[in-house]
């Protein structure tokens, strides 16, 4: 089951959007079909910067939900 954690990736789709929309089972079936038919492609990663204690910034990449699962 998908956890409702984390920010959405570059596609703007969060875990909650999947749960509220097609549902986790349908989402996973669709993803399985994309993988089986070799249609799946990695999406761009959203880059955000997290401030550190020494005032520097640490880059953080946020992948899409699909990419996290794959």
PDB file of N, CA and C in Angstrom:
ATOM      1  N   UNK A   1       0.840  -1.184   0.000  1.00  0.00           N
ATOM      2  CA  UNK A   1       0.000   0.000   0.000  1.00  0.00           C
ATOM      3  C   UNK A   1       0.877   1.236   0.000  1.00  0.00           C
ATOM      4  N   UNK A   2       0.456   2.269  -0.695  1.00  0.00           N
ATOM      5  CA  UNK A   2       1.206   3.502  -0.752  1.00  0.00           C
ATOM      6  C   UNK A   2       1.060   4.268   0.555  1.00  0.00           C
ATOM      7  N   UNK A   3       2.172   4.793   1.036  1.00  0.00           N
ATOM      8  CA  UNK A   3       2.124   5.640   2.213  1.00  0.00           C
ATOM      9  C   UNK A   3       1.862   7.064   1.770  1.00  0.00           C
ATOM     10  N   UNK A   4       1.196   7.828   2.588  1.00  0.00           N
ATOM     11  CA  UNK A   4       0.918   9.227   2.276  1.00  0.00           C
ATOM     12  C   UNK A   4       2.034  10.094   2.832  1.00  0.00           C
ATOM     13  N   UNK A   5       3.228   9.931   2.293  1.00  0.00           N
ATOM     14  CA  UNK A   5       4.401  10.670   2.744  1.00  0.00           C
ATOM     15  C   UNK A   5       5.050  11.388   1.579  1.00  0.00           C
ATOM     16  N   UNK A   6       5.740  12.468   1.892  1.00  0.00           N
ATOM     17  CA  UNK A   6       6.587  13.116   0.918  1.00  0.00           C
ATOM     18  C   UNK A   6       5.870  14.097   0.013  1.00  0.00           C
ATOM     19  N   UNK A   7       6.693  14.883  -0.633  1.00  0.00           N
ATOM     20  CA  UNK A   7       6.205  15.899  -1.559  1.00  0.00           C
ATOM     21  C   UNK A   7       6.043  15.302  -2.949  1.00  0.00           C
ATOM     22  N   UNK A   8       5.184  15.904  -3.759  1.00  0.00           N
ATOM     23  CA  UNK A   8       5.055  15.423  -5.133  1.00  0.00           C
ATOM     24  C   UNK A   8       6.311  15.743  -5.935  1.00  0.00           C
ATOM     25  N   UNK A   9       6.566  14.960  -6.954  1.00  0.00           N
ATOM     26  CA  UNK A   9       7.714  15.193  -7.825  1.00  0.00           C
ATOM     27  C   UNK A   9       7.371  16.199  -8.908  1.00  0.00           C
ATOM     28  N   UNK A  10       8.134  16.157 -10.009  1.00  0.00           N
ATOM     29  CA  UNK A  10       7.969  17.113 -11.099  1.00  0.00           C
ATOM     30  C   UNK A  10       6.597  17.024 -11.755  1.00  0.00           C
ATOM     31  N   UNK A  11       5.941  15.868 -11.675  1.00  0.00           N
ATOM     32  CA  UNK A  11       4.621  15.718 -12.287  1.00  0.00           C
ATOM     33  C   UNK A  11       3.504  16.297 -11.426  1.00  0.00           C
ATOM     34  N   UNK A  12       3.814  16.672 -10.192  1.00  0.00           N
ATOM     35  CA  UNK A  12       2.826  17.289  -9.308  1.00  0.00           C
ATOM     36  C   UNK A  12       1.858  16.313  -8.665  1.00  0.00           C
ATOM     37  N   UNK A  13       2.076  15.004  -8.860  1.00  0.00           N
ATOM     38  CA  UNK A  13       1.169  13.991  -8.320  1.00  0.00           C
ATOM     39  C   UNK A  13       1.723  13.456  -7.002  1.00  0.00           C
ATOM     40  N   UNK A  14       0.917  13.540  -5.959  1.00  0.00           N
ATOM     41  CA  UNK A  14       1.322  13.037  -4.644  1.00  0.00           C
ATOM     42  C   UNK A  14       0.703  11.666  -4.404  1.00  0.00           C
ATOM     43  N   UNK A  15       1.145  10.993  -3.375  1.00  0.00           N
ATOM     44  CA  UNK A  15       0.560   9.700  -3.005  1.00  0.00           C
ATOM     45  C   UNK A  15      -0.926   9.860  -2.702  1.00  0.00           C
ATOM     46  N   UNK A  16      -1.291  10.950  -2.059  1.00  0.00           N
ATOM     47  CA  UNK A  16      -2.701  11.188  -1.730  1.00  0.00           C
ATOM     48  C   UNK A  16      -3.541  11.350  -2.992  1.00  0.00           C
ATOM     49  N   UNK A  17      -2.979  11.982  -4.030  1.00  0.00           N
ATOM     50  CA  UNK A  17      -3.700  12.120  -5.303  1.00  0.00           C
ATOM     51  C   UNK A  17      -4.012  10.751  -5.898  1.00  0.00           C
ATOM     52  N   UNK A  18      -3.091   9.826  -5.767  1.00  0.00           N
ATOM     53  CA  UNK A  18      -3.289   8.476  -6.301  1.00  0.00           C
ATOM     54  C   UNK A  18      -4.358   7.749  -5.491  1.00  0.00           C
ATOM     55  N   UNK A  19      -4.290   7.872  -4.183  1.00  0.00           N
ATOM     56  CA  UNK A  19      -5.269   7.217  -3.320  1.00  0.00           C
ATOM     57  C   UNK A  19      -6.663   7.780  -3.572  1.00  0.00           C
ATOM     58  N   UNK A  20      -6.771   9.113  -3.712  1.00  0.00           N
ATOM     59  CA  UNK A  20      -8.057   9.762  -3.945  1.00  0.00           C
ATOM     60  C   UNK A  20      -8.558   9.560  -5.375  1.00  0.00           C
ATOM     61  N   UNK A  21      -7.640   9.343  -6.314  1.00  0.00           N
ATOM     62  CA  UNK A  21      -8.005   9.193  -7.725  1.00  0.00           C
ATOM     63  C   UNK A  21      -8.245   7.740  -8.082  1.00  0.00           C
ATOM     64  N   UNK A  22      -7.343   7.164  -8.890  1.00  0.00           N
ATOM     65  CA  UNK A  22      -7.575   5.801  -9.373  1.00  0.00           C
ATOM     66  C   UNK A  22      -7.438   4.733  -8.296  1.00  0.00           C
ATOM     67  N   UNK A  23      -6.810   5.062  -7.205  1.00  0.00           N
ATOM     68  CA  UNK A  23      -6.564   4.082  -6.155  1.00  0.00           C
ATOM     69  C   UNK A  23      -5.223   3.403  -6.365  1.00  0.00           C
ATOM     70  N   UNK A  24      -4.669   2.898  -5.282  1.00  0.00           N
ATOM     71  CA  UNK A  24      -3.336   2.305  -5.330  1.00  0.00           C
ATOM     72  C   UNK A  24      -3.286   1.078  -6.231  1.00  0.00           C
ATOM     73  N   UNK A  25      -4.303   0.235  -6.167  1.00  0.00           N
ATOM     74  CA  UNK A  25      -4.291  -0.995  -6.967  1.00  0.00           C
ATOM     75  C   UNK A  25      -4.273  -0.677  -8.453  1.00  0.00           C
ATOM     76  N   UNK A  26      -5.130   0.241  -8.889  1.00  0.00           N
ATOM     77  CA  UNK A  26      -5.175   0.604 -10.314  1.00  0.00           C
ATOM     78  C   UNK A  26      -3.882   1.283 -10.737  1.00  0.00           C
ATOM     79  N   UNK A  27      -3.350   2.152  -9.894  1.00  0.00           N
ATOM     80  CA  UNK A  27      -2.090   2.833 -10.184  1.00  0.00           C
ATOM     81  C   UNK A  27      -0.978   1.807 -10.403  1.00  0.00           C
ATOM     82  N   UNK A  28      -0.901   0.816  -9.527  1.00  0.00           N
ATOM     83  CA  UNK A  28       0.143  -0.201  -9.640  1.00  0.00           C
ATOM     84  C   UNK A  28      -0.064  -1.096 -10.858  1.00  0.00           C
ATOM     85  N   UNK A  29      -1.308  -1.394 -11.190  1.00  0.00           N
ATOM     86  CA  UNK A  29      -1.588  -2.172 -12.407  1.00  0.00           C
ATOM     87  C   UNK A  29      -1.134  -1.406 -13.647  1.00  0.00           C
ATOM     88  N   UNK A  30      -1.454  -0.118 -13.692  1.00  0.00           N
ATOM     89  CA  UNK A  30      -1.048   0.708 -14.831  1.00  0.00           C
ATOM     90  C   UNK A  30       0.479   0.793 -14.927  1.00  0.00           C
ATOM     91  N   UNK A  31       1.130   0.954 -13.796  1.00  0.00           N
ATOM     92  CA  UNK A  31       2.589   1.018 -13.773  1.00  0.00           C
ATOM     93  C   UNK A  31       3.193  -0.308 -14.227  1.00  0.00           C
ATOM     94  N   UNK A  32       2.617  -1.396 -13.783  1.00  0.00           N
ATOM     95  CA  UNK A  32       3.092  -2.719 -14.204  1.00  0.00           C
ATOM     96  C   UNK A  32       2.981  -2.873 -15.720  1.00  0.00           C
ATOM     97  N   UNK A  33       1.891  -2.415 -16.293  1.00  0.00           N
ATOM     98  CA  UNK A  33       1.701  -2.495 -17.746  1.00  0.00           C
ATOM     99  C   UNK A  33       2.734  -1.637 -18.475  1.00  0.00           C
ATOM    100  N   UNK A  34       3.000  -0.441 -17.952  1.00  0.00           N
ATOM    101  CA  UNK A  34       4.032   0.417 -18.561  1.00  0.00           C
ATOM    102  C   UNK A  34       5.391  -0.273 -18.540  1.00  0.00           C
ATOM    103  N   UNK A  35       5.723  -0.925 -17.439  1.00  0.00           N
ATOM    104  CA  UNK A  35       7.004  -1.622 -17.333  1.00  0.00           C
ATOM    105  C   UNK A  35       7.052  -2.834 -18.255  1.00  0.00           C
ATOM    106  N   UNK A  36       5.962  -3.573 -18.304  1.00  0.00           N
ATOM    107  CA  UNK A  36       5.912  -4.789 -19.118  1.00  0.00           C
ATOM    108  C   UNK A  36       6.046  -4.474 -20.608  1.00  0.00           C
ATOM    109  N   UNK A  37       5.418  -3.381 -21.041  1.00  0.00           N
ATOM    110  CA  UNK A  37       5.443  -3.014 -22.456  1.00  0.00           C
ATOM    111  C   UNK A  37       6.577  -2.049 -22.793  1.00  0.00           C
ATOM    112  N   UNK A  38       7.465  -1.838 -21.863  1.00  0.00           N
ATOM    113  CA  UNK A  38       8.652  -0.985 -22.033  1.00  0.00           C
ATOM    114  C   UNK A  38       8.268   0.437 -22.456  1.00  0.00           C
ATOM    115  N   UNK A  39       7.206   0.970 -21.875  1.00  0.00           N
ATOM    116  CA  UNK A  39       6.786   2.348 -22.130  1.00  0.00           C
ATOM    117  C   UNK A  39       7.189   3.279 -20.991  1.00  0.00           C
ATOM    118  N   UNK A  40       7.651   2.716 -19.879  1.00  0.00           N
ATOM    119  CA  UNK A  40       7.981   3.534 -18.717  1.00  0.00           C
ATOM    120  C   UNK A  40       9.264   4.311 -18.961  1.00  0.00           C
ATOM    121  N   UNK A  41       9.270   5.587 -18.613  1.00  0.00           N
ATOM    122  CA  UNK A  41      10.467   6.410 -18.693  1.00  0.00           C
ATOM    123  C   UNK A  41      10.606   7.207 -17.404  1.00  0.00           C
ATOM    124  N   UNK A  42      11.832   7.318 -16.931  1.00  0.00           N
ATOM    125  CA  UNK A  42      12.088   8.133 -15.748  1.00  0.00           C
ATOM    126  C   UNK A  42      11.697   9.576 -16.018  1.00  0.00           C
ATOM    127  N   UNK A  43      11.193  10.235 -15.004  1.00  0.00           N
ATOM    128  CA  UNK A  43      10.794  11.632 -15.095  1.00  0.00           C
ATOM    129  C   UNK A  43      11.888  12.505 -14.462  1.00  0.00           C
ATOM    130  N   UNK A  44      11.889  13.798 -14.796  1.00  0.00           N
ATOM    131  CA  UNK A  44      12.854  14.694 -14.162  1.00  0.00           C
ATOM    132  C   UNK A  44      12.644  14.739 -12.646  1.00  0.00           C
ATOM    133  N   UNK A  45      13.701  14.997 -11.931  1.00  0.00           N
ATOM    134  CA  UNK A  45      13.656  15.090 -10.473  1.00  0.00           C
ATOM    135  C   UNK A  45      13.508  16.564 -10.088  1.00  0.00           C
ATOM    136  N   UNK A  46      12.593  16.847  -9.165  1.00  0.00           N
ATOM    137  CA  UNK A  46      12.445  18.207  -8.644  1.00  0.00           C
ATOM    138  C   UNK A  46      13.579  18.467  -7.665  1.00  0.00           C
ATOM    139  N   UNK A  47      14.277  19.561  -7.843  1.00  0.00           N
ATOM    140  CA  UNK A  47      15.412  19.892  -6.983  1.00  0.00           C
ATOM    141  C   UNK A  47      14.999  20.995  -6.015  1.00  0.00           C
ATOM    142  N   UNK A  48      15.175  20.749  -4.731  1.00  0.00           N
ATOM    143  CA  UNK A  48      14.950  21.767  -3.706  1.00  0.00           C
ATOM    144  C   UNK A  48      16.213  21.841  -2.855  1.00  0.00           C
ATOM    145  N   UNK A  49      16.370  22.935  -2.173  1.00  0.00           N
ATOM    146  CA  UNK A  49      17.553  23.124  -1.336  1.00  0.00           C
ATOM    147  C   UNK A  49      17.131  23.287   0.114  1.00  0.00           C
ATOM    148  N   UNK A  50      17.759  22.509   0.984  1.00  0.00           N
ATOM    149  CA  UNK A  50      17.448  22.490   2.410  1.00  0.00           C
ATOM    150  C   UNK A  50      18.548  23.262   3.147  1.00  0.00           C
ATOM    151  N   UNK A  51      18.172  24.241   3.964  1.00  0.00           N
ATOM    152  CA  UNK A  51      19.201  24.977   4.704  1.00  0.00           C
ATOM    153  C   UNK A  51      19.849  24.101   5.779  1.00  0.00           C
ATOM    154  N   UNK A  52      21.164  24.251   5.914  1.00  0.00           N
ATOM    155  CA  UNK A  52      21.911  23.536   6.943  1.00  0.00           C
ATOM    156  C   UNK A  52      22.245  24.508   8.077  1.00  0.00           C
ATOM    157  N   UNK A  53      22.724  23.975   9.170  1.00  0.00           N
ATOM    158  CA  UNK A  53      23.038  24.802  10.343  1.00  0.00           C
ATOM    159  C   UNK A  53      24.118  25.840  10.040  1.00  0.00           C
ATOM    160  N   UNK A  54      25.045  25.516   9.135  1.00  0.00           N
ATOM    161  CA  UNK A  54      26.126  26.452   8.816  1.00  0.00           C
ATOM    162  C   UNK A  54      25.739  27.444   7.711  1.00  0.00           C
ATOM    163  N   UNK A  55      24.443  27.584   7.463  1.00  0.00           N
ATOM    164  CA  UNK A  55      23.849  28.502   6.485  1.00  0.00           C
ATOM    165  C   UNK A  55      24.085  28.101   5.034  1.00  0.00           C
ATOM    166  N   UNK A  56      24.701  26.959   4.813  1.00  0.00           N
ATOM    167  CA  UNK A  56      24.836  26.462   3.449  1.00  0.00           C
ATOM    168  C   UNK A  56      23.557  25.728   3.085  1.00  0.00           C
ATOM    169  N   UNK A  57      23.415  25.415   1.819  1.00  0.00           N
ATOM    170  CA  UNK A  57      22.226  24.716   1.348  1.00  0.00           C
ATOM    171  C   UNK A  57      22.594  23.324   0.865  1.00  0.00           C
ATOM    172  N   UNK A  58      21.768  22.363   1.219  1.00  0.00           N
ATOM    173  CA  UNK A  58      21.973  20.979   0.783  1.00  0.00           C
ATOM    174  C   UNK A  58      20.939  20.672  -0.290  1.00  0.00           C
ATOM    175  N   UNK A  59      21.394  20.226  -1.482  1.00  0.00           N
ATOM    176  CA  UNK A  59      20.431  19.893  -2.528  1.00  0.00           C
ATOM    177  C   UNK A  59      19.695  18.594  -2.208  1.00  0.00           C
ATOM    178  N   UNK A  60      18.421  18.562  -2.556  1.00  0.00           N
ATOM    179  CA  UNK A  60      17.612  17.377  -2.348  1.00  0.00           C
ATOM    180  C   UNK A  60      16.793  17.145  -3.608  1.00  0.00           C
ATOM    181  N   UNK A  61      16.849  15.938  -4.150  1.00  0.00           N
ATOM    182  CA  UNK A  61      16.082  15.589  -5.332  1.00  0.00           C
ATOM    183  C   UNK A  61      14.811  14.863  -4.934  1.00  0.00           C
ATOM    184  N   UNK A  62      13.673  15.291  -5.475  1.00  0.00           N
ATOM    185  CA  UNK A  62      12.395  14.658  -5.170  1.00  0.00           C
ATOM    186  C   UNK A  62      11.886  13.976  -6.441  1.00  0.00           C
ATOM    187  N   UNK A  63      11.968  12.647  -6.507  1.00  0.00           N
ATOM    188  CA  UNK A  63      11.475  11.934  -7.682  1.00  0.00           C
ATOM    189  C   UNK A  63       9.948  11.847  -7.659  1.00  0.00           C
ATOM    190  N   UNK A  64       9.361  11.491  -8.803  1.00  0.00           N
ATOM    191  CA  UNK A  64       7.911  11.282  -8.865  1.00  0.00           C
ATOM    192  C   UNK A  64       7.559  10.019  -8.087  1.00  0.00           C
ATOM    193  N   UNK A  65       6.283   9.879  -7.777  1.00  0.00           N
ATOM    194  CA  UNK A  65       5.825   8.687  -7.036  1.00  0.00           C
ATOM    195  C   UNK A  65       6.138   7.433  -7.835  1.00  0.00           C
ATOM    196  N   UNK A  66       5.909   7.455  -9.146  1.00  0.00           N
ATOM    197  CA  UNK A  66       6.215   6.292  -9.987  1.00  0.00           C
ATOM    198  C   UNK A  66       7.680   5.905  -9.883  1.00  0.00           C
ATOM    199  N   UNK A  67       8.564   6.906  -9.975  1.00  0.00           N
ATOM    200  CA  UNK A  67       9.987   6.624  -9.908  1.00  0.00           C
ATOM    201  C   UNK A  67      10.391   6.071  -8.545  1.00  0.00           C
ATOM    202  N   UNK A  68       9.740   6.537  -7.484  1.00  0.00           N
ATOM    203  CA  UNK A  68      10.033   5.998  -6.152  1.00  0.00           C
ATOM    204  C   UNK A  68       9.658   4.528  -6.060  1.00  0.00           C
ATOM    205  N   UNK A  69       8.541   4.162  -6.674  1.00  0.00           N
ATOM    206  CA  UNK A  69       8.086   2.784  -6.623  1.00  0.00           C
ATOM    207  C   UNK A  69       8.976   1.882  -7.471  1.00  0.00           C
ATOM    208  N   UNK A  70       9.298   2.346  -8.674  1.00  0.00           N
ATOM    209  CA  UNK A  70      10.130   1.552  -9.573  1.00  0.00           C
ATOM    210  C   UNK A  70      11.511   1.406  -8.978  1.00  0.00           C
TER     211      UNK A  70
END
